[in-house]
Amino acid sequence: AGGIAALYDRALQQAGFSVTRIDAEDASRGGLF
């Protein structure tokens, strides 16, 4: 989540990974629900 998500996304893509991004805050709320 947040700014760190964008940094990791960019680094992973530049390293050649195919990235699917899930917001950690949304995932946490969904899991709690």
PDB file of all heavy atoms in Angstrom:
ATOM      1  N   ALA A   1       0.843  -1.200   0.000  1.00  0.00           N
ATOM      2  CA  ALA A   1       0.000   0.000   0.000  1.00  0.00           C
ATOM      3  C   ALA A   1       0.876   1.246   0.000  1.00  0.00           C
ATOM      4  O   ALA A   1       2.057   1.192   0.340  1.00  0.00           O
ATOM      5  CB  ALA A   1      -0.913   0.004   1.228  1.00  0.00           C
ATOM      6  N   GLY A   2       0.287   2.335  -0.403  1.00  0.00           N
ATOM      7  CA  GLY A   2       0.955   3.623  -0.336  1.00  0.00           C
ATOM      8  C   GLY A   2       2.106   3.766  -1.305  1.00  0.00           C
ATOM      9  O   GLY A   2       2.193   3.071  -2.323  1.00  0.00           O
ATOM     10  N   GLY A   3       3.007   4.661  -0.945  1.00  0.00           N
ATOM     11  CA  GLY A   3       4.139   4.970  -1.811  1.00  0.00           C
ATOM     12  C   GLY A   3       5.069   3.800  -2.036  1.00  0.00           C
ATOM     13  O   GLY A   3       5.660   3.649  -3.109  1.00  0.00           O
ATOM     14  N   ILE A   4       5.198   2.939  -1.040  1.00  0.00           N
ATOM     15  CA  ILE A   4       6.099   1.791  -1.183  1.00  0.00           C
ATOM     16  C   ILE A   4       5.607   0.839  -2.267  1.00  0.00           C
ATOM     17  O   ILE A   4       6.398   0.209  -2.954  1.00  0.00           O
ATOM     18  CB  ILE A   4       6.301   1.075   0.172  1.00  0.00           C
ATOM     19  CG1 ILE A   4       7.561   0.206   0.150  1.00  0.00           C
ATOM     20  CG2 ILE A   4       5.105   0.240   0.559  1.00  0.00           C
ATOM     21  CD1 ILE A   4       8.817   0.955   0.351  1.00  0.00           C
ATOM     22  N   ALA A   5       4.289   0.765  -2.447  1.00  0.00           N
ATOM     23  CA  ALA A   5       3.722  -0.095  -3.491  1.00  0.00           C
ATOM     24  C   ALA A   5       4.193   0.355  -4.871  1.00  0.00           C
ATOM     25  O   ALA A   5       4.587  -0.468  -5.697  1.00  0.00           O
ATOM     26  CB  ALA A   5       2.199  -0.085  -3.415  1.00  0.00           C
ATOM     27  N   ALA A   6       4.180   1.647  -5.096  1.00  0.00           N
ATOM     28  CA  ALA A   6       4.617   2.175  -6.392  1.00  0.00           C
ATOM     29  C   ALA A   6       6.105   1.917  -6.621  1.00  0.00           C
ATOM     30  O   ALA A   6       6.519   1.585  -7.738  1.00  0.00           O
ATOM     31  CB  ALA A   6       4.315   3.666  -6.471  1.00  0.00           C
ATOM     32  N   LEU A   7       6.908   2.045  -5.560  1.00  0.00           N
ATOM     33  CA  LEU A   7       8.353   1.804  -5.691  1.00  0.00           C
ATOM     34  C   LEU A   7       8.641   0.341  -6.030  1.00  0.00           C
ATOM     35  O   LEU A   7       9.443   0.054  -6.924  1.00  0.00           O
ATOM     36  CB  LEU A   7       9.072   2.197  -4.400  1.00  0.00           C
ATOM     37  CG  LEU A   7       9.038   3.684  -4.050  1.00  0.00           C
ATOM     38  CD1 LEU A   7       9.645   3.911  -2.664  1.00  0.00           C
ATOM     39  CD2 LEU A   7       9.761   4.509  -5.101  1.00  0.00           C
ATOM     40  N   TYR A   8       7.989  -0.568  -5.315  1.00  0.00           N
ATOM     41  CA  TYR A   8       8.188  -1.993  -5.606  1.00  0.00           C
ATOM     42  C   TYR A   8       7.677  -2.349  -7.002  1.00  0.00           C
ATOM     43  O   TYR A   8       8.319  -3.100  -7.730  1.00  0.00           O
ATOM     44  CB  TYR A   8       7.492  -2.871  -4.566  1.00  0.00           C
ATOM     45  CG  TYR A   8       8.368  -3.239  -3.406  1.00  0.00           C
ATOM     46  CD1 TYR A   8       8.317  -2.515  -2.217  1.00  0.00           C
ATOM     47  CD2 TYR A   8       9.250  -4.308  -3.483  1.00  0.00           C
ATOM     48  CE1 TYR A   8       9.121  -2.848  -1.138  1.00  0.00           C
ATOM     49  CE2 TYR A   8      10.059  -4.659  -2.417  1.00  0.00           C
ATOM     50  CZ  TYR A   8       9.983  -3.929  -1.249  1.00  0.00           C
ATOM     51  OH  TYR A   8      10.788  -4.257  -0.184  1.00  0.00           O
ATOM     52  N   ASP A   9       6.518  -1.812  -7.366  1.00  0.00           N
ATOM     53  CA  ASP A   9       5.930  -2.089  -8.678  1.00  0.00           C
ATOM     54  C   ASP A   9       6.909  -1.691  -9.776  1.00  0.00           C
ATOM     55  O   ASP A   9       7.199  -2.471 -10.693  1.00  0.00           O
ATOM     56  CB  ASP A   9       4.608  -1.339  -8.819  1.00  0.00           C
ATOM     57  CG  ASP A   9       3.783  -1.786 -10.006  1.00  0.00           C
ATOM     58  OD1 ASP A   9       4.298  -2.456 -10.916  1.00  0.00           O
ATOM     59  OD2 ASP A   9       2.591  -1.450 -10.037  1.00  0.00           O
ATOM     60  N   ARG A  10       7.436  -0.503  -9.661  1.00  0.00           N
ATOM     61  CA  ARG A  10       8.366  -0.005 -10.685  1.00  0.00           C
ATOM     62  C   ARG A  10       9.643  -0.845 -10.736  1.00  0.00           C
ATOM     63  O   ARG A  10      10.113  -1.214 -11.819  1.00  0.00           O
ATOM     64  CB  ARG A  10       8.707   1.454 -10.400  1.00  0.00           C
ATOM     65  CG  ARG A  10       9.585   2.077 -11.437  1.00  0.00           C
ATOM     66  CD  ARG A  10       9.750   3.544 -11.197  1.00  0.00           C
ATOM     67  NE  ARG A  10      10.656   4.106 -12.175  1.00  0.00           N
ATOM     68  CZ  ARG A  10      11.183   5.296 -12.088  1.00  0.00           C
ATOM     69  NH1 ARG A  10      10.873   6.076 -11.070  1.00  0.00           N
ATOM     70  NH2 ARG A  10      11.997   5.742 -12.998  1.00  0.00           N
ATOM     71  N   ALA A  11      10.194  -1.167  -9.568  1.00  0.00           N
ATOM     72  CA  ALA A  11      11.430  -1.959  -9.532  1.00  0.00           C
ATOM     73  C   ALA A  11      11.202  -3.357 -10.109  1.00  0.00           C
ATOM     74  O   ALA A  11      12.030  -3.864 -10.868  1.00  0.00           O
ATOM     75  CB  ALA A  11      11.942  -2.053  -8.099  1.00  0.00           C
ATOM     76  N   LEU A  12      10.091  -3.971  -9.748  1.00  0.00           N
ATOM     77  CA  LEU A  12       9.787  -5.314 -10.257  1.00  0.00           C
ATOM     78  C   LEU A  12       9.603  -5.305 -11.770  1.00  0.00           C
ATOM     79  O   LEU A  12      10.115  -6.185 -12.473  1.00  0.00           O
ATOM     80  CB  LEU A  12       8.538  -5.869  -9.570  1.00  0.00           C
ATOM     81  CG  LEU A  12       8.730  -6.310  -8.122  1.00  0.00           C
ATOM     82  CD1 LEU A  12       7.378  -6.438  -7.417  1.00  0.00           C
ATOM     83  CD2 LEU A  12       9.503  -7.616  -8.048  1.00  0.00           C
ATOM     84  N   GLN A  13       8.882  -4.306 -12.275  1.00  0.00           N
ATOM     85  CA  GLN A  13       8.678  -4.225 -13.725  1.00  0.00           C
ATOM     86  C   GLN A  13       9.993  -3.980 -14.453  1.00  0.00           C
ATOM     87  O   GLN A  13      10.243  -4.580 -15.501  1.00  0.00           O
ATOM     88  CB  GLN A  13       7.649  -3.145 -14.047  1.00  0.00           C
ATOM     89  CG  GLN A  13       6.246  -3.582 -13.694  1.00  0.00           C
ATOM     90  CD  GLN A  13       5.195  -2.620 -14.196  1.00  0.00           C
ATOM     91  OE1 GLN A  13       5.306  -2.082 -15.290  1.00  0.00           O
ATOM     92  NE2 GLN A  13       4.154  -2.415 -13.397  1.00  0.00           N
ATOM     93  N   GLN A  14      10.834  -3.118 -13.906  1.00  0.00           N
ATOM     94  CA  GLN A  14      12.125  -2.856 -14.550  1.00  0.00           C
ATOM     95  C   GLN A  14      13.021  -4.093 -14.544  1.00  0.00           C
ATOM     96  O   GLN A  14      13.873  -4.247 -15.420  1.00  0.00           O
ATOM     97  CB  GLN A  14      12.831  -1.681 -13.886  1.00  0.00           C
ATOM     98  CG  GLN A  14      12.210  -0.355 -14.236  1.00  0.00           C
ATOM     99  CD  GLN A  14      12.959   0.828 -13.637  1.00  0.00           C
ATOM    100  OE1 GLN A  14      13.805   0.679 -12.766  1.00  0.00           O
ATOM    101  NE2 GLN A  14      12.619   2.019 -14.103  1.00  0.00           N
ATOM    102  N   ALA A  15      12.815  -4.982 -13.558  1.00  0.00           N
ATOM    103  CA  ALA A  15      13.595  -6.216 -13.491  1.00  0.00           C
ATOM    104  C   ALA A  15      13.005  -7.311 -14.383  1.00  0.00           C
ATOM    105  O   ALA A  15      13.546  -8.406 -14.459  1.00  0.00           O
ATOM    106  CB  ALA A  15      13.674  -6.711 -12.044  1.00  0.00           C
ATOM    107  N   GLY A  16      11.896  -7.011 -15.061  1.00  0.00           N
ATOM    108  CA  GLY A  16      11.325  -7.954 -16.012  1.00  0.00           C
ATOM    109  C   GLY A  16      10.184  -8.801 -15.481  1.00  0.00           C
ATOM    110  O   GLY A  16       9.746  -9.730 -16.164  1.00  0.00           O
ATOM    111  N   PHE A  17       9.691  -8.507 -14.283  1.00  0.00           N
ATOM    112  CA  PHE A  17       8.566  -9.266 -13.732  1.00  0.00           C
ATOM    113  C   PHE A  17       7.246  -8.739 -14.284  1.00  0.00           C
ATOM    114  O   PHE A  17       7.114  -7.556 -14.596  1.00  0.00           O
ATOM    115  CB  PHE A  17       8.525  -9.155 -12.204  1.00  0.00           C
ATOM    116  CG  PHE A  17       9.622  -9.908 -11.518  1.00  0.00           C
ATOM    117  CD1 PHE A  17      10.774  -9.276 -11.119  1.00  0.00           C
ATOM    118  CD2 PHE A  17       9.487 -11.267 -11.273  1.00  0.00           C
ATOM    119  CE1 PHE A  17      11.785  -9.966 -10.478  1.00  0.00           C
ATOM    120  CE2 PHE A  17      10.489 -11.973 -10.640  1.00  0.00           C
ATOM    121  CZ  PHE A  17      11.644 -11.319 -10.240  1.00  0.00           C
ATOM    122  N   SER A  18       6.274  -9.626 -14.375  1.00  0.00           N
ATOM    123  CA  SER A  18       4.902  -9.252 -14.701  1.00  0.00           C
ATOM    124  C   SER A  18       4.192  -9.072 -13.360  1.00  0.00           C
ATOM    125  O   SER A  18       4.082 -10.026 -12.589  1.00  0.00           O
ATOM    126  CB  SER A  18       4.257 -10.363 -15.522  1.00  0.00           C
ATOM    127  OG  SER A  18       2.888 -10.117 -15.677  1.00  0.00           O
ATOM    128  N   VAL A  19       3.729  -7.853 -13.071  1.00  0.00           N
ATOM    129  CA  VAL A  19       3.223  -7.520 -11.737  1.00  0.00           C
ATOM    130  C   VAL A  19       1.706  -7.357 -11.721  1.00  0.00           C
ATOM    131  O   VAL A  19       1.145  -6.622 -12.526  1.00  0.00           O
ATOM    132  CB  VAL A  19       3.870  -6.208 -11.216  1.00  0.00           C
ATOM    133  CG1 VAL A  19       3.353  -5.871  -9.831  1.00  0.00           C
ATOM    134  CG2 VAL A  19       5.385  -6.316 -11.223  1.00  0.00           C
ATOM    135  N   THR A  20       1.061  -8.071 -10.795  1.00  0.00           N
ATOM    136  CA  THR A  20      -0.343  -7.847 -10.463  1.00  0.00           C
ATOM    137  C   THR A  20      -0.333  -7.222  -9.076  1.00  0.00           C
ATOM    138  O   THR A  20       0.236  -7.794  -8.144  1.00  0.00           O
ATOM    139  CB  THR A  20      -1.138  -9.169 -10.430  1.00  0.00           C
ATOM    140  OG1 THR A  20      -1.073  -9.763 -11.719  1.00  0.00           O
ATOM    141  CG2 THR A  20      -2.586  -8.929 -10.035  1.00  0.00           C
ATOM    142  N   ARG A  21      -0.940  -6.053  -8.962  1.00  0.00           N
ATOM    143  CA  ARG A  21      -0.873  -5.301  -7.706  1.00  0.00           C
ATOM    144  C   ARG A  21      -2.190  -5.391  -6.948  1.00  0.00           C
ATOM    145  O   ARG A  21      -3.262  -5.190  -7.516  1.00  0.00           O
ATOM    146  CB  ARG A  21      -0.548  -3.851  -8.053  1.00  0.00           C
ATOM    147  CG  ARG A  21      -0.057  -3.039  -6.916  1.00  0.00           C
ATOM    148  CD  ARG A  21       0.678  -1.838  -7.470  1.00  0.00           C
ATOM    149  NE  ARG A  21       0.380  -0.656  -6.704  1.00  0.00           N
ATOM    150  CZ  ARG A  21       0.846   0.544  -6.997  1.00  0.00           C
ATOM    151  NH1 ARG A  21       1.590   0.710  -8.082  1.00  0.00           N
ATOM    152  NH2 ARG A  21       0.563   1.559  -6.258  1.00  0.00           N
ATOM    153  N   ILE A  22      -2.101  -5.709  -5.650  1.00  0.00           N
ATOM    154  CA  ILE A  22      -3.257  -5.740  -4.753  1.00  0.00           C
ATOM    155  C   ILE A  22      -2.973  -4.781  -3.612  1.00  0.00           C
ATOM    156  O   ILE A  22      -1.900  -4.846  -2.997  1.00  0.00           O
ATOM    157  CB  ILE A  22      -3.503  -7.162  -4.213  1.00  0.00           C
ATOM    158  CG1 ILE A  22      -3.847  -8.114  -5.357  1.00  0.00           C
ATOM    159  CG2 ILE A  22      -4.585  -7.159  -3.140  1.00  0.00           C
ATOM    160  CD1 ILE A  22      -3.959  -9.564  -4.950  1.00  0.00           C
ATOM    161  N   ASP A  23      -3.919  -3.891  -3.338  1.00  0.00           N
ATOM    162  CA  ASP A  23      -3.750  -2.935  -2.246  1.00  0.00           C
ATOM    163  C   ASP A  23      -3.800  -3.679  -0.912  1.00  0.00           C
ATOM    164  O   ASP A  23      -4.781  -4.373  -0.615  1.00  0.00           O
ATOM    165  CB  ASP A  23      -4.833  -1.857  -2.306  1.00  0.00           C
ATOM    166  CG  ASP A  23      -4.616  -0.803  -1.248  1.00  0.00           C
ATOM    167  OD1 ASP A  23      -3.885   0.170  -1.519  1.00  0.00           O
ATOM    168  OD2 ASP A  23      -5.164  -0.967  -0.137  1.00  0.00           O
ATOM    169  N   ALA A  24      -2.772  -3.549  -0.097  1.00  0.00           N
ATOM    170  CA  ALA A  24      -2.679  -4.273   1.174  1.00  0.00           C
ATOM    171  C   ALA A  24      -3.772  -3.867   2.148  1.00  0.00           C
ATOM    172  O   ALA A  24      -4.285  -4.706   2.894  1.00  0.00           O
ATOM    173  CB  ALA A  24      -1.303  -4.052   1.796  1.00  0.00           C
ATOM    174  N   GLU A  25      -4.147  -2.602   2.152  1.00  0.00           N
ATOM    175  CA  GLU A  25      -5.198  -2.150   3.069  1.00  0.00           C
ATOM    176  C   GLU A  25      -6.541  -2.762   2.688  1.00  0.00           C
ATOM    177  O   GLU A  25      -7.286  -3.234   3.555  1.00  0.00           O
ATOM    178  CB  GLU A  25      -5.256  -0.628   3.089  1.00  0.00           C
ATOM    179  CG  GLU A  25      -4.015  -0.010   3.719  1.00  0.00           C
ATOM    180  CD  GLU A  25      -3.995   1.505   3.648  1.00  0.00           C
ATOM    181  OE1 GLU A  25      -4.975   2.114   3.181  1.00  0.00           O
ATOM    182  OE2 GLU A  25      -2.975   2.073   4.065  1.00  0.00           O
ATOM    183  N   ASP A  26      -6.834  -2.791   1.396  1.00  0.00           N
ATOM    184  CA  ASP A  26      -8.076  -3.427   0.935  1.00  0.00           C
ATOM    185  C   ASP A  26      -8.073  -4.918   1.247  1.00  0.00           C
ATOM    186  O   ASP A  26      -9.085  -5.476   1.687  1.00  0.00           O
ATOM    187  CB  ASP A  26      -8.268  -3.223  -0.576  1.00  0.00           C
ATOM    188  CG  ASP A  26      -8.572  -1.784  -0.953  1.00  0.00           C
ATOM    189  OD1 ASP A  26      -8.958  -0.997  -0.065  1.00  0.00           O
ATOM    190  OD2 ASP A  26      -8.411  -1.452  -2.147  1.00  0.00           O
ATOM    191  N   ALA A  27      -6.932  -5.575   1.044  1.00  0.00           N
ATOM    192  CA  ALA A  27      -6.833  -7.009   1.313  1.00  0.00           C
ATOM    193  C   ALA A  27      -7.022  -7.297   2.804  1.00  0.00           C
ATOM    194  O   ALA A  27      -7.709  -8.259   3.173  1.00  0.00           O
ATOM    195  CB  ALA A  27      -5.484  -7.545   0.837  1.00  0.00           C
ATOM    196  N   SER A  28      -6.453  -6.455   3.656  1.00  0.00           N
ATOM    197  CA  SER A  28      -6.604  -6.637   5.105  1.00  0.00           C
ATOM    198  C   SER A  28      -8.055  -6.477   5.536  1.00  0.00           C
ATOM    199  O   SER A  28      -8.584  -7.301   6.297  1.00  0.00           O
ATOM    200  CB  SER A  28      -5.734  -5.637   5.869  1.00  0.00           C
ATOM    201  OG  SER A  28      -4.386  -5.901   5.640  1.00  0.00           O
ATOM    202  N   ARG A  29      -8.694  -5.417   5.042  1.00  0.00           N
ATOM    203  CA  ARG A  29     -10.106  -5.209   5.381  1.00  0.00           C
ATOM    204  C   ARG A  29     -10.961  -6.371   4.890  1.00  0.00           C
ATOM    205  O   ARG A  29     -11.849  -6.852   5.591  1.00  0.00           O
ATOM    206  CB  ARG A  29     -10.611  -3.888   4.801  1.00  0.00           C
ATOM    207  CG  ARG A  29     -10.248  -2.683   5.639  1.00  0.00           C
ATOM    208  CD  ARG A  29     -10.982  -1.432   5.182  1.00  0.00           C
ATOM    209  NE  ARG A  29     -10.606  -1.000   3.841  1.00  0.00           N
ATOM    210  CZ  ARG A  29      -9.530  -0.259   3.574  1.00  0.00           C
ATOM    211  NH1 ARG A  29      -8.737   0.136   4.539  1.00  0.00           N
ATOM    212  NH2 ARG A  29      -9.264   0.102   2.335  1.00  0.00           N
ATOM    213  N   GLY A  30     -10.708  -6.824   3.679  1.00  0.00           N
ATOM    214  CA  GLY A  30     -11.461  -7.946   3.127  1.00  0.00           C
ATOM    215  C   GLY A  30     -11.271  -9.216   3.950  1.00  0.00           C
ATOM    216  O   GLY A  30     -12.220  -9.946   4.205  1.00  0.00           O
ATOM    217  N   GLY A  31     -10.043  -9.470   4.378  1.00  0.00           N
ATOM    218  CA  GLY A  31      -9.768 -10.645   5.202  1.00  0.00           C
ATOM    219  C   GLY A  31     -10.446 -10.565   6.558  1.00  0.00           C
ATOM    220  O   GLY A  31     -10.997 -11.558   7.049  1.00  0.00           O
ATOM    221  N   LEU A  32     -10.415  -9.384   7.165  1.00  0.00           N
ATOM    222  CA  LEU A  32     -11.086  -9.204   8.452  1.00  0.00           C
ATOM    223  C   LEU A  32     -12.595  -9.378   8.318  1.00  0.00           C
ATOM    224  O   LEU A  32     -13.247 -10.001   9.164  1.00  0.00           O
ATOM    225  CB  LEU A  32     -10.757  -7.830   9.040  1.00  0.00           C
ATOM    226  CG  LEU A  32      -9.316  -7.666   9.517  1.00  0.00           C
ATOM    227  CD1 LEU A  32      -9.030  -6.201   9.835  1.00  0.00           C
ATOM    228  CD2 LEU A  32      -9.040  -8.544  10.719  1.00  0.00           C
ATOM    229  N   PHE A  33     -13.157  -8.837   7.253  1.00  0.00           N
ATOM    230  CA  PHE A  33     -14.595  -8.972   7.014  1.00  0.00           C
ATOM    231  C   PHE A  33     -14.968 -10.440   6.819  1.00  0.00           C
ATOM    232  O   PHE A  33     -15.936 -10.932   7.400  1.00  0.00           O
ATOM    233  CB  PHE A  33     -15.016  -8.135   5.804  1.00  0.00           C
ATOM    234  CG  PHE A  33     -16.486  -8.177   5.529  1.00  0.00           C
ATOM    235  CD1 PHE A  33     -17.377  -7.491   6.334  1.00  0.00           C
ATOM    236  CD2 PHE A  33     -16.977  -8.920   4.467  1.00  0.00           C
ATOM    237  CE1 PHE A  33     -18.746  -7.544   6.090  1.00  0.00           C
ATOM    238  CE2 PHE A  33     -18.335  -8.974   4.203  1.00  0.00           C
ATOM    239  CZ  PHE A  33     -19.225  -8.284   5.018  1.00  0.00           C
TER     240      PHE A  33
END
